[in-house]
Amino acid sequence: MVVAFLLTFSLASLDLGTAWRASLGISNAVRSGARVGSAAGVGSSADYQVLLSLGSALGKNAVGEVERIVVFDATTSSAVPAGCLTASAKSTGGSSSNRCNVYSSSDLAAVLASPSAVPSQFQGACPGGGTRWDRFWCPSARDNSVGTLGAGPDYVGVYLNVAHATSTKLFGSSIDIDDTFVMRIEPQAGS
């Protein structure tokens, strides 16, 4: 009976330890993505650069575990708008009313497939609809100007949700891990 308890405890420790390690990697990736989004500012490929940064920080093995990436306007709050976390926002790629762009693991994989060339999904007119992936909170609609007291550049938020696969299945087949980081867009960045 003691051996069964110790074995279960050891296996649980293994799953929790790998999940904790994955959460550290996710935190670093989100912070890296927000820094890149802040520096890219209003540049037309800002979200593309955020995705490249996330993919690079996560590594190839974790890209398949990504459930959702949200790049959002965090000017009013550091929390991800609830409308950006809905199934509708995930299926359409974002929400104009919540000013957020939502990406999936397949979107991230497509960006990482040819990192040296900006894909067509980030080219063309923005805003104004179309098929651009970042059309719901277009980089050109972001504010990077230095304004009067209390005003100024927008804040860009990056949210990442990952379904980390467990090895022992004691806690189910996966453990959901998510993290958010917000940074102010650098003044005049991307202009």
N, C-alpha and C. Protein backbone atom coordinates (compact mmCIF):
# COMPACT_ATOMS: atom_id res chain seq x y z
N MET A 1 0.82 -1.18 0.00
CA MET A 1 0.00 0.00 0.00
C MET A 1 0.88 1.26 0.00
N VAL A 2 1.96 1.22 0.74
CA VAL A 2 2.88 2.36 0.81
C VAL A 2 3.54 2.57 -0.54
N VAL A 3 3.93 1.48 -1.20
CA VAL A 3 4.57 1.58 -2.51
C VAL A 3 3.61 2.21 -3.52
N ALA A 4 2.36 1.82 -3.50
CA ALA A 4 1.36 2.38 -4.41
C ALA A 4 1.20 3.89 -4.17
N PHE A 5 1.18 4.28 -2.89
CA PHE A 5 1.07 5.70 -2.57
C PHE A 5 2.29 6.46 -3.05
N LEU A 6 3.48 5.94 -2.78
CA LEU A 6 4.71 6.62 -3.21
C LEU A 6 4.83 6.70 -4.73
N LEU A 7 4.42 5.67 -5.42
CA LEU A 7 4.45 5.67 -6.88
C LEU A 7 3.47 6.72 -7.42
N THR A 8 2.28 6.76 -6.90
CA THR A 8 1.30 7.77 -7.32
C THR A 8 1.80 9.18 -7.03
N PHE A 9 2.37 9.37 -5.85
CA PHE A 9 2.92 10.67 -5.47
C PHE A 9 4.06 11.07 -6.42
N SER A 10 4.92 10.14 -6.76
CA SER A 10 6.04 10.42 -7.68
C SER A 10 5.54 10.80 -9.06
N LEU A 11 4.55 10.06 -9.56
CA LEU A 11 4.01 10.36 -10.89
C LEU A 11 3.28 11.70 -10.91
N ALA A 12 2.58 12.00 -9.83
CA ALA A 12 1.91 13.30 -9.73
C ALA A 12 2.93 14.43 -9.70
N SER A 13 4.02 14.22 -8.99
CA SER A 13 5.10 15.21 -8.93
C SER A 13 5.70 15.44 -10.31
N LEU A 14 5.84 14.38 -11.08
CA LEU A 14 6.37 14.49 -12.44
C LEU A 14 5.47 15.38 -13.30
N ASP A 15 4.17 15.12 -13.30
CA ASP A 15 3.24 15.92 -14.09
C ASP A 15 3.20 17.37 -13.63
N LEU A 16 3.14 17.59 -12.32
CA LEU A 16 3.10 18.96 -11.80
C LEU A 16 4.41 19.69 -12.07
N GLY A 17 5.52 18.98 -11.98
CA GLY A 17 6.81 19.59 -12.27
C GLY A 17 6.95 20.01 -13.72
N THR A 18 6.53 19.17 -14.64
CA THR A 18 6.62 19.54 -16.06
C THR A 18 5.62 20.66 -16.39
N ALA A 19 4.47 20.67 -15.73
CA ALA A 19 3.50 21.76 -15.94
C ALA A 19 4.07 23.07 -15.41
N TRP A 20 4.72 23.02 -14.26
CA TRP A 20 5.34 24.23 -13.70
C TRP A 20 6.43 24.75 -14.62
N ARG A 21 7.24 23.84 -15.15
CA ARG A 21 8.30 24.23 -16.09
C ARG A 21 7.69 24.85 -17.35
N ALA A 22 6.62 24.26 -17.85
CA ALA A 22 5.93 24.79 -19.03
C ALA A 22 5.36 26.18 -18.73
N SER A 23 4.83 26.38 -17.53
CA SER A 23 4.26 27.70 -17.19
C SER A 23 5.34 28.78 -17.15
N LEU A 24 6.54 28.42 -16.73
CA LEU A 24 7.65 29.39 -16.76
C LEU A 24 7.99 29.77 -18.20
N GLY A 25 8.01 28.79 -19.08
CA GLY A 25 8.27 29.06 -20.49
C GLY A 25 7.18 29.91 -21.12
N ILE A 26 5.93 29.66 -20.73
CA ILE A 26 4.81 30.43 -21.25
C ILE A 26 4.89 31.87 -20.75
N SER A 27 5.23 32.06 -19.50
CA SER A 27 5.39 33.42 -18.95
C SER A 27 6.48 34.18 -19.70
N ASN A 28 7.59 33.52 -19.94
CA ASN A 28 8.68 34.17 -20.68
C ASN A 28 8.25 34.50 -22.11
N ALA A 29 7.52 33.59 -22.74
CA ALA A 29 7.07 33.82 -24.12
C ALA A 29 6.11 35.00 -24.20
N VAL A 30 5.18 35.08 -23.25
CA VAL A 30 4.20 36.17 -23.26
C VAL A 30 4.90 37.51 -23.03
N ARG A 31 5.84 37.55 -22.13
CA ARG A 31 6.57 38.79 -21.88
C ARG A 31 7.38 39.20 -23.11
N SER A 32 7.99 38.24 -23.75
CA SER A 32 8.74 38.51 -24.97
C SER A 32 7.81 39.03 -26.07
N GLY A 33 6.65 38.41 -26.23
CA GLY A 33 5.68 38.86 -27.23
C GLY A 33 5.19 40.27 -26.96
N ALA A 34 4.92 40.60 -25.71
CA ALA A 34 4.47 41.94 -25.36
C ALA A 34 5.57 42.97 -25.61
N ARG A 35 6.81 42.63 -25.30
CA ARG A 35 7.93 43.55 -25.57
C ARG A 35 8.04 43.83 -27.06
N VAL A 36 7.92 42.78 -27.87
CA VAL A 36 8.01 42.94 -29.33
C VAL A 36 6.83 43.76 -29.83
N GLY A 37 5.63 43.50 -29.33
CA GLY A 37 4.45 44.28 -29.72
C GLY A 37 4.58 45.75 -29.34
N SER A 38 5.19 46.00 -28.19
CA SER A 38 5.42 47.37 -27.75
C SER A 38 6.41 48.08 -28.67
N ALA A 39 7.47 47.39 -29.04
CA ALA A 39 8.49 47.99 -29.90
C ALA A 39 8.02 48.12 -31.35
N ALA A 40 7.16 47.19 -31.81
CA ALA A 40 6.66 47.25 -33.19
C ALA A 40 5.63 48.36 -33.35
N GLY A 41 4.94 48.71 -32.28
CA GLY A 41 4.00 49.83 -32.29
C GLY A 41 2.93 49.72 -33.34
N VAL A 42 2.90 50.69 -34.25
CA VAL A 42 1.88 50.76 -35.29
C VAL A 42 2.38 50.20 -36.62
N GLY A 43 3.52 49.53 -36.60
CA GLY A 43 4.05 48.93 -37.82
C GLY A 43 3.08 47.91 -38.38
N SER A 44 2.98 47.80 -39.68
CA SER A 44 1.97 46.95 -40.31
C SER A 44 2.13 45.47 -39.97
N SER A 45 3.32 45.07 -39.56
CA SER A 45 3.54 43.66 -39.23
C SER A 45 3.71 43.42 -37.73
N ALA A 46 3.11 44.28 -36.92
CA ALA A 46 3.29 44.19 -35.46
C ALA A 46 2.84 42.84 -34.90
N ASP A 47 1.64 42.40 -35.25
CA ASP A 47 1.15 41.11 -34.73
C ASP A 47 1.97 39.95 -35.27
N TYR A 48 2.37 40.04 -36.51
CA TYR A 48 3.24 39.01 -37.11
C TYR A 48 4.52 38.87 -36.29
N GLN A 49 5.11 40.01 -35.91
CA GLN A 49 6.33 39.98 -35.11
C GLN A 49 6.07 39.41 -33.71
N VAL A 50 4.90 39.71 -33.15
CA VAL A 50 4.52 39.14 -31.85
C VAL A 50 4.45 37.62 -31.95
N LEU A 51 3.80 37.12 -33.01
CA LEU A 51 3.68 35.67 -33.20
C LEU A 51 5.05 35.02 -33.39
N LEU A 52 5.92 35.66 -34.15
CA LEU A 52 7.28 35.11 -34.32
C LEU A 52 8.00 35.02 -32.98
N SER A 53 7.86 36.06 -32.18
CA SER A 53 8.51 36.08 -30.86
C SER A 53 7.95 34.98 -29.96
N LEU A 54 6.63 34.82 -29.95
CA LEU A 54 6.01 33.76 -29.14
C LEU A 54 6.50 32.38 -29.59
N GLY A 55 6.49 32.14 -30.90
CA GLY A 55 6.92 30.85 -31.43
C GLY A 55 8.37 30.55 -31.10
N SER A 56 9.20 31.57 -31.20
CA SER A 56 10.62 31.39 -30.90
C SER A 56 10.82 31.07 -29.42
N ALA A 57 10.09 31.77 -28.56
CA ALA A 57 10.24 31.54 -27.11
C ALA A 57 9.64 30.22 -26.66
N LEU A 58 8.56 29.79 -27.31
CA LEU A 58 7.91 28.53 -26.92
C LEU A 58 8.69 27.31 -27.39
N GLY A 59 9.27 27.38 -28.56
CA GLY A 59 9.93 26.21 -29.13
C GLY A 59 8.95 25.38 -29.93
N LYS A 60 9.46 24.59 -30.84
CA LYS A 60 8.62 23.84 -31.78
C LYS A 60 7.71 22.84 -31.08
N ASN A 61 8.15 22.23 -30.01
CA ASN A 61 7.34 21.21 -29.34
C ASN A 61 6.07 21.78 -28.72
N ALA A 62 6.13 22.99 -28.21
CA ALA A 62 4.98 23.58 -27.52
C ALA A 62 3.99 24.26 -28.46
N VAL A 63 4.38 24.52 -29.70
CA VAL A 63 3.48 25.22 -30.63
C VAL A 63 2.18 24.44 -30.84
N GLY A 64 2.26 23.13 -30.92
CA GLY A 64 1.07 22.30 -31.10
C GLY A 64 0.13 22.30 -29.91
N GLU A 65 0.62 22.69 -28.75
CA GLU A 65 -0.21 22.73 -27.54
C GLU A 65 -0.96 24.05 -27.39
N VAL A 66 -0.65 25.04 -28.22
CA VAL A 66 -1.29 26.35 -28.12
C VAL A 66 -2.77 26.24 -28.44
N GLU A 67 -3.59 26.76 -27.57
CA GLU A 67 -5.04 26.79 -27.78
C GLU A 67 -5.46 28.14 -28.36
N ARG A 68 -4.88 29.22 -27.82
CA ARG A 68 -5.32 30.56 -28.23
C ARG A 68 -4.24 31.58 -27.88
N ILE A 69 -4.04 32.52 -28.80
CA ILE A 69 -3.20 33.69 -28.58
C ILE A 69 -4.09 34.89 -28.84
N VAL A 70 -4.07 35.85 -27.92
CA VAL A 70 -4.86 37.06 -28.10
C VAL A 70 -3.93 38.27 -27.97
N VAL A 71 -3.95 39.11 -28.99
CA VAL A 71 -3.26 40.40 -28.94
C VAL A 71 -4.38 41.43 -28.82
N PHE A 72 -4.37 42.20 -27.71
CA PHE A 72 -5.53 43.05 -27.42
C PHE A 72 -5.13 44.43 -26.94
N ASP A 73 -6.09 45.34 -27.08
CA ASP A 73 -5.94 46.71 -26.60
C ASP A 73 -6.16 46.70 -25.10
N ALA A 74 -5.12 46.95 -24.35
CA ALA A 74 -5.21 46.91 -22.89
C ALA A 74 -5.21 48.31 -22.30
N THR A 75 -5.67 49.30 -23.07
CA THR A 75 -5.66 50.67 -22.61
C THR A 75 -6.53 50.87 -21.39
N THR A 76 -7.68 50.21 -21.32
CA THR A 76 -8.59 50.42 -20.20
C THR A 76 -8.41 49.41 -19.07
N SER A 77 -7.79 48.27 -19.35
CA SER A 77 -7.64 47.23 -18.33
C SER A 77 -6.51 46.29 -18.73
N SER A 78 -5.90 45.66 -17.76
CA SER A 78 -4.85 44.69 -18.07
C SER A 78 -5.42 43.29 -18.26
N ALA A 79 -6.73 43.15 -18.06
CA ALA A 79 -7.37 41.85 -18.25
C ALA A 79 -7.81 41.68 -19.70
N VAL A 80 -7.77 40.46 -20.18
CA VAL A 80 -8.23 40.17 -21.53
C VAL A 80 -9.74 40.40 -21.56
N PRO A 81 -10.24 41.19 -22.53
CA PRO A 81 -11.69 41.38 -22.62
C PRO A 81 -12.41 40.03 -22.77
N ALA A 82 -13.49 39.85 -22.05
CA ALA A 82 -14.22 38.57 -22.08
C ALA A 82 -14.66 38.21 -23.49
N GLY A 83 -14.98 39.20 -24.31
CA GLY A 83 -15.41 38.95 -25.67
C GLY A 83 -14.33 38.36 -26.56
N CYS A 84 -13.08 38.47 -26.13
CA CYS A 84 -11.95 37.93 -26.89
C CYS A 84 -11.72 36.45 -26.58
N LEU A 85 -12.34 35.96 -25.52
CA LEU A 85 -12.14 34.57 -25.10
C LEU A 85 -13.30 33.67 -25.49
N THR A 86 -14.25 34.19 -26.26
CA THR A 86 -15.40 33.40 -26.66
C THR A 86 -15.06 32.50 -27.85
N ALA A 87 -15.89 31.50 -28.05
CA ALA A 87 -15.71 30.62 -29.21
C ALA A 87 -15.90 31.39 -30.51
N SER A 88 -16.79 32.36 -30.50
CA SER A 88 -17.03 33.19 -31.69
C SER A 88 -15.79 33.98 -32.07
N ALA A 89 -15.13 34.59 -31.09
CA ALA A 89 -13.91 35.36 -31.37
C ALA A 89 -12.81 34.45 -31.87
N LYS A 90 -12.75 33.24 -31.34
CA LYS A 90 -11.72 32.29 -31.79
C LYS A 90 -11.97 31.86 -33.23
N SER A 91 -13.23 31.62 -33.58
CA SER A 91 -13.53 31.15 -34.93
C SER A 91 -13.40 32.25 -35.98
N THR A 92 -13.71 33.50 -35.60
CA THR A 92 -13.61 34.60 -36.57
C THR A 92 -12.23 35.24 -36.59
N GLY A 93 -11.45 35.03 -35.54
CA GLY A 93 -10.11 35.61 -35.48
C GLY A 93 -10.01 36.88 -34.68
N GLY A 94 -11.07 37.23 -33.96
CA GLY A 94 -11.00 38.41 -33.11
C GLY A 94 -12.34 39.06 -32.89
N SER A 95 -12.29 40.28 -32.36
CA SER A 95 -13.49 41.03 -32.06
C SER A 95 -13.19 42.52 -32.22
N SER A 96 -13.92 43.17 -33.13
CA SER A 96 -13.73 44.62 -33.35
C SER A 96 -14.17 45.41 -32.14
N SER A 97 -15.30 45.04 -31.53
CA SER A 97 -15.80 45.80 -30.39
C SER A 97 -14.88 45.69 -29.18
N ASN A 98 -14.17 44.57 -29.06
CA ASN A 98 -13.24 44.39 -27.94
C ASN A 98 -11.80 44.72 -28.33
N ARG A 99 -11.59 45.06 -29.59
CA ARG A 99 -10.27 45.44 -30.12
C ARG A 99 -9.21 44.39 -29.80
N CYS A 100 -9.44 43.20 -30.36
CA CYS A 100 -8.48 42.12 -30.13
C CYS A 100 -8.38 41.22 -31.36
N ASN A 101 -7.21 40.66 -31.56
CA ASN A 101 -6.95 39.68 -32.61
C ASN A 101 -6.67 38.36 -31.93
N VAL A 102 -7.31 37.29 -32.42
CA VAL A 102 -7.19 35.97 -31.82
C VAL A 102 -6.55 35.02 -32.83
N TYR A 103 -5.52 34.31 -32.38
CA TYR A 103 -4.79 33.39 -33.24
C TYR A 103 -4.80 31.99 -32.62
N SER A 104 -4.70 30.98 -33.49
CA SER A 104 -4.69 29.58 -33.05
C SER A 104 -3.30 28.98 -33.26
N SER A 105 -3.14 27.73 -32.86
CA SER A 105 -1.85 27.06 -33.06
C SER A 105 -1.54 26.91 -34.54
N SER A 106 -2.55 26.71 -35.37
CA SER A 106 -2.30 26.58 -36.82
C SER A 106 -1.87 27.92 -37.41
N ASP A 107 -2.41 29.03 -36.90
CA ASP A 107 -1.96 30.35 -37.33
C ASP A 107 -0.49 30.56 -36.96
N LEU A 108 -0.15 30.19 -35.73
CA LEU A 108 1.23 30.31 -35.27
C LEU A 108 2.16 29.44 -36.10
N ALA A 109 1.75 28.21 -36.38
CA ALA A 109 2.57 27.31 -37.20
C ALA A 109 2.76 27.87 -38.61
N ALA A 110 1.73 28.50 -39.18
CA ALA A 110 1.84 29.08 -40.52
C ALA A 110 2.84 30.23 -40.54
N VAL A 111 2.85 31.03 -39.49
CA VAL A 111 3.81 32.14 -39.39
C VAL A 111 5.22 31.60 -39.25
N LEU A 112 5.39 30.56 -38.43
CA LEU A 112 6.72 30.00 -38.19
C LEU A 112 7.26 29.21 -39.37
N ALA A 113 6.37 28.82 -40.31
CA ALA A 113 6.80 28.04 -41.47
C ALA A 113 7.73 28.82 -42.37
N SER A 114 7.54 30.13 -42.48
CA SER A 114 8.44 30.96 -43.29
C SER A 114 8.68 32.28 -42.56
N PRO A 115 9.54 32.25 -41.54
CA PRO A 115 9.72 33.43 -40.69
C PRO A 115 10.41 34.61 -41.36
N SER A 116 11.02 34.41 -42.52
CA SER A 116 11.74 35.51 -43.15
C SER A 116 10.86 36.38 -44.04
N ALA A 117 9.66 35.92 -44.38
CA ALA A 117 8.77 36.69 -45.25
C ALA A 117 7.42 36.88 -44.57
N VAL A 118 6.95 38.13 -44.55
CA VAL A 118 5.66 38.42 -43.96
C VAL A 118 4.58 37.78 -44.83
N PRO A 119 3.78 36.87 -44.28
CA PRO A 119 2.76 36.19 -45.08
C PRO A 119 1.65 37.14 -45.54
N SER A 120 0.92 36.72 -46.55
CA SER A 120 -0.13 37.55 -47.14
C SER A 120 -1.22 37.90 -46.12
N GLN A 121 -1.39 37.08 -45.09
CA GLN A 121 -2.42 37.35 -44.07
C GLN A 121 -2.14 38.62 -43.28
N PHE A 122 -0.93 39.18 -43.39
CA PHE A 122 -0.58 40.42 -42.69
C PHE A 122 -0.26 41.53 -43.68
N GLN A 123 -0.75 41.40 -44.90
CA GLN A 123 -0.51 42.42 -45.93
C GLN A 123 -1.84 42.94 -46.45
N GLY A 124 -1.81 44.09 -47.09
CA GLY A 124 -3.02 44.67 -47.65
C GLY A 124 -3.59 45.75 -46.75
N ALA A 125 -4.73 46.26 -47.13
CA ALA A 125 -5.37 47.37 -46.42
C ALA A 125 -5.86 46.94 -45.04
N CYS A 126 -5.62 47.82 -44.10
CA CYS A 126 -6.08 47.59 -42.74
C CYS A 126 -6.24 48.95 -42.10
N PRO A 127 -7.28 49.30 -41.43
CA PRO A 127 -8.50 48.55 -41.18
C PRO A 127 -9.42 48.57 -42.40
N GLY A 128 -10.61 48.14 -42.20
CA GLY A 128 -11.58 48.12 -43.28
C GLY A 128 -11.99 46.72 -43.66
N GLY A 129 -11.86 45.79 -42.75
CA GLY A 129 -12.28 44.42 -43.04
C GLY A 129 -11.23 43.65 -43.80
N GLY A 130 -11.65 42.96 -44.82
CA GLY A 130 -10.72 42.16 -45.58
C GLY A 130 -10.41 40.86 -44.89
N THR A 131 -9.29 40.29 -45.26
CA THR A 131 -8.92 38.99 -44.71
C THR A 131 -7.67 39.04 -43.85
N ARG A 132 -7.17 40.23 -43.58
CA ARG A 132 -6.00 40.32 -42.70
C ARG A 132 -6.32 39.69 -41.35
N TRP A 133 -5.38 38.95 -40.83
CA TRP A 133 -5.59 38.31 -39.53
C TRP A 133 -5.67 39.33 -38.40
N ASP A 134 -5.03 40.47 -38.56
CA ASP A 134 -5.01 41.47 -37.50
C ASP A 134 -6.01 42.60 -37.73
N ARG A 135 -7.08 42.34 -38.48
CA ARG A 135 -8.03 43.38 -38.86
C ARG A 135 -8.93 43.86 -37.71
N PHE A 136 -9.06 43.08 -36.66
CA PHE A 136 -9.96 43.46 -35.57
C PHE A 136 -9.36 44.53 -34.66
N TRP A 137 -8.04 44.54 -34.52
CA TRP A 137 -7.33 45.63 -33.85
C TRP A 137 -6.10 45.88 -34.69
N CYS A 138 -6.33 46.59 -35.78
CA CYS A 138 -5.30 46.82 -36.79
C CYS A 138 -4.14 47.63 -36.19
N PRO A 139 -2.90 47.26 -36.50
CA PRO A 139 -1.77 48.02 -35.97
C PRO A 139 -1.82 49.51 -36.32
N SER A 140 -2.34 49.85 -37.50
CA SER A 140 -2.41 51.27 -37.88
C SER A 140 -3.44 52.04 -37.05
N ALA A 141 -4.34 51.33 -36.36
CA ALA A 141 -5.34 51.99 -35.51
C ALA A 141 -4.85 52.16 -34.08
N ARG A 142 -3.67 51.67 -33.79
CA ARG A 142 -3.11 51.79 -32.44
C ARG A 142 -2.48 53.17 -32.28
N ASP A 143 -2.48 53.66 -31.06
CA ASP A 143 -1.95 54.99 -30.79
C ASP A 143 -0.54 54.87 -30.22
N ASN A 144 0.40 55.51 -30.89
CA ASN A 144 1.77 55.53 -30.40
C ASN A 144 2.26 56.96 -30.22
N SER A 145 1.33 57.90 -30.14
CA SER A 145 1.72 59.31 -30.03
C SER A 145 1.88 59.71 -28.57
N VAL A 146 2.74 60.69 -28.37
CA VAL A 146 2.92 61.24 -27.04
C VAL A 146 1.91 62.36 -26.91
N GLY A 147 0.96 62.20 -26.02
CA GLY A 147 -0.12 63.17 -25.89
C GLY A 147 0.04 64.05 -24.68
N THR A 148 -1.06 64.65 -24.30
CA THR A 148 -1.08 65.51 -23.14
C THR A 148 -1.03 64.65 -21.88
N LEU A 149 -0.97 65.30 -20.75
CA LEU A 149 -0.88 64.59 -19.47
C LEU A 149 -2.04 63.61 -19.33
N GLY A 150 -1.73 62.37 -19.07
CA GLY A 150 -2.74 61.34 -18.89
C GLY A 150 -3.08 60.61 -20.16
N ALA A 151 -2.76 61.19 -21.30
CA ALA A 151 -3.02 60.51 -22.57
C ALA A 151 -1.69 59.93 -23.06
N GLY A 152 -1.71 59.37 -24.21
CA GLY A 152 -0.47 58.85 -24.75
C GLY A 152 -0.68 57.53 -25.43
N PRO A 153 0.39 56.81 -25.62
CA PRO A 153 0.30 55.55 -26.38
C PRO A 153 -0.62 54.52 -25.73
N ASP A 154 -1.19 53.67 -26.58
CA ASP A 154 -2.01 52.55 -26.12
C ASP A 154 -1.14 51.53 -25.40
N TYR A 155 -1.80 50.63 -24.71
CA TYR A 155 -1.14 49.48 -24.11
C TYR A 155 -1.48 48.26 -24.95
N VAL A 156 -0.49 47.44 -25.23
CA VAL A 156 -0.73 46.20 -25.97
C VAL A 156 -0.64 45.04 -24.98
N GLY A 157 -1.64 44.17 -25.03
CA GLY A 157 -1.65 43.00 -24.17
C GLY A 157 -1.50 41.74 -25.00
N VAL A 158 -0.80 40.77 -24.45
CA VAL A 158 -0.64 39.48 -25.12
C VAL A 158 -1.06 38.40 -24.13
N TYR A 159 -1.99 37.57 -24.57
CA TYR A 159 -2.52 36.46 -23.77
C TYR A 159 -2.21 35.17 -24.50
N LEU A 160 -1.77 34.17 -23.76
CA LEU A 160 -1.46 32.87 -24.34
C LEU A 160 -2.09 31.78 -23.48
N ASN A 161 -2.81 30.87 -24.13
CA ASN A 161 -3.41 29.72 -23.46
C ASN A 161 -2.89 28.45 -24.11
N VAL A 162 -2.36 27.55 -23.28
CA VAL A 162 -1.75 26.31 -23.75
C VAL A 162 -2.39 25.14 -23.01
N ALA A 163 -2.66 24.06 -23.73
CA ALA A 163 -3.12 22.80 -23.12
C ALA A 163 -1.91 21.89 -23.04
N HIS A 164 -1.21 21.95 -21.92
CA HIS A 164 0.03 21.18 -21.72
C HIS A 164 -0.30 19.71 -21.51
N ALA A 165 0.21 18.87 -22.39
CA ALA A 165 -0.06 17.43 -22.30
C ALA A 165 0.63 16.83 -21.07
N THR A 166 -0.10 16.00 -20.34
CA THR A 166 0.48 15.32 -19.18
C THR A 166 0.99 13.95 -19.61
N SER A 167 1.97 13.46 -18.90
CA SER A 167 2.52 12.15 -19.27
C SER A 167 1.86 11.01 -18.52
N THR A 168 1.41 11.26 -17.30
CA THR A 168 0.84 10.16 -16.52
C THR A 168 -0.68 10.11 -16.58
N LYS A 169 -1.32 11.17 -17.00
CA LYS A 169 -2.78 11.27 -17.10
C LYS A 169 -3.47 11.23 -15.74
N LEU A 170 -2.73 11.43 -14.66
CA LEU A 170 -3.35 11.49 -13.33
C LEU A 170 -4.24 12.72 -13.18
N PHE A 171 -3.91 13.78 -13.90
CA PHE A 171 -4.67 15.02 -13.84
C PHE A 171 -5.44 15.26 -15.13
N GLY A 172 -5.73 14.21 -15.86
CA GLY A 172 -6.37 14.34 -17.15
C GLY A 172 -5.32 14.28 -18.26
N SER A 173 -5.76 14.43 -19.49
CA SER A 173 -4.82 14.33 -20.60
C SER A 173 -4.01 15.60 -20.79
N SER A 174 -4.50 16.74 -20.24
CA SER A 174 -3.75 17.99 -20.35
C SER A 174 -4.09 18.91 -19.18
N ILE A 175 -3.19 19.86 -18.97
CA ILE A 175 -3.38 20.89 -17.94
C ILE A 175 -3.39 22.23 -18.66
N ASP A 176 -4.45 23.02 -18.47
CA ASP A 176 -4.52 24.34 -19.09
C ASP A 176 -3.62 25.32 -18.34
N ILE A 177 -2.79 26.01 -19.10
CA ILE A 177 -1.91 27.03 -18.54
C ILE A 177 -2.11 28.28 -19.38
N ASP A 178 -2.31 29.41 -18.71
CA ASP A 178 -2.41 30.66 -19.45
C ASP A 178 -1.69 31.77 -18.72
N ASP A 179 -1.34 32.80 -19.49
CA ASP A 179 -0.65 33.95 -18.92
C ASP A 179 -0.93 35.16 -19.79
N THR A 180 -0.87 36.33 -19.18
CA THR A 180 -1.09 37.60 -19.87
C THR A 180 -0.01 38.58 -19.45
N PHE A 181 0.41 39.41 -20.39
CA PHE A 181 1.35 40.48 -20.06
C PHE A 181 0.98 41.70 -20.89
N VAL A 182 1.11 42.87 -20.28
CA VAL A 182 0.72 44.13 -20.92
C VAL A 182 1.90 45.09 -20.87
N MET A 183 2.11 45.79 -21.99
CA MET A 183 3.13 46.84 -22.06
C MET A 183 2.61 48.02 -22.85
N ARG A 184 3.07 49.20 -22.51
CA ARG A 184 2.70 50.39 -23.27
C ARG A 184 3.46 50.41 -24.58
N ILE A 185 2.78 50.77 -25.65
CA ILE A 185 3.44 50.87 -26.95
C ILE A 185 4.47 52.00 -26.86
N GLU A 186 5.66 51.73 -27.34
CA GLU A 186 6.71 52.73 -27.32
C GLU A 186 6.31 53.96 -28.14
N PRO A 187 6.51 55.15 -27.60
CA PRO A 187 6.16 56.34 -28.37
C PRO A 187 6.86 56.36 -29.73
N GLN A 188 6.06 56.62 -30.73
CA GLN A 188 6.50 56.71 -32.13
C GLN A 188 7.01 55.39 -32.69
N ALA A 189 6.81 54.28 -32.00
CA ALA A 189 7.28 52.97 -32.49
C ALA A 189 6.50 52.54 -33.72
N GLY A 190 7.21 52.08 -34.71
CA GLY A 190 6.60 51.58 -35.92
C GLY A 190 6.19 52.66 -36.90
N SER A 191 6.43 53.92 -36.57
CA SER A 191 6.03 55.01 -37.47
C SER A 191 6.99 55.15 -38.64
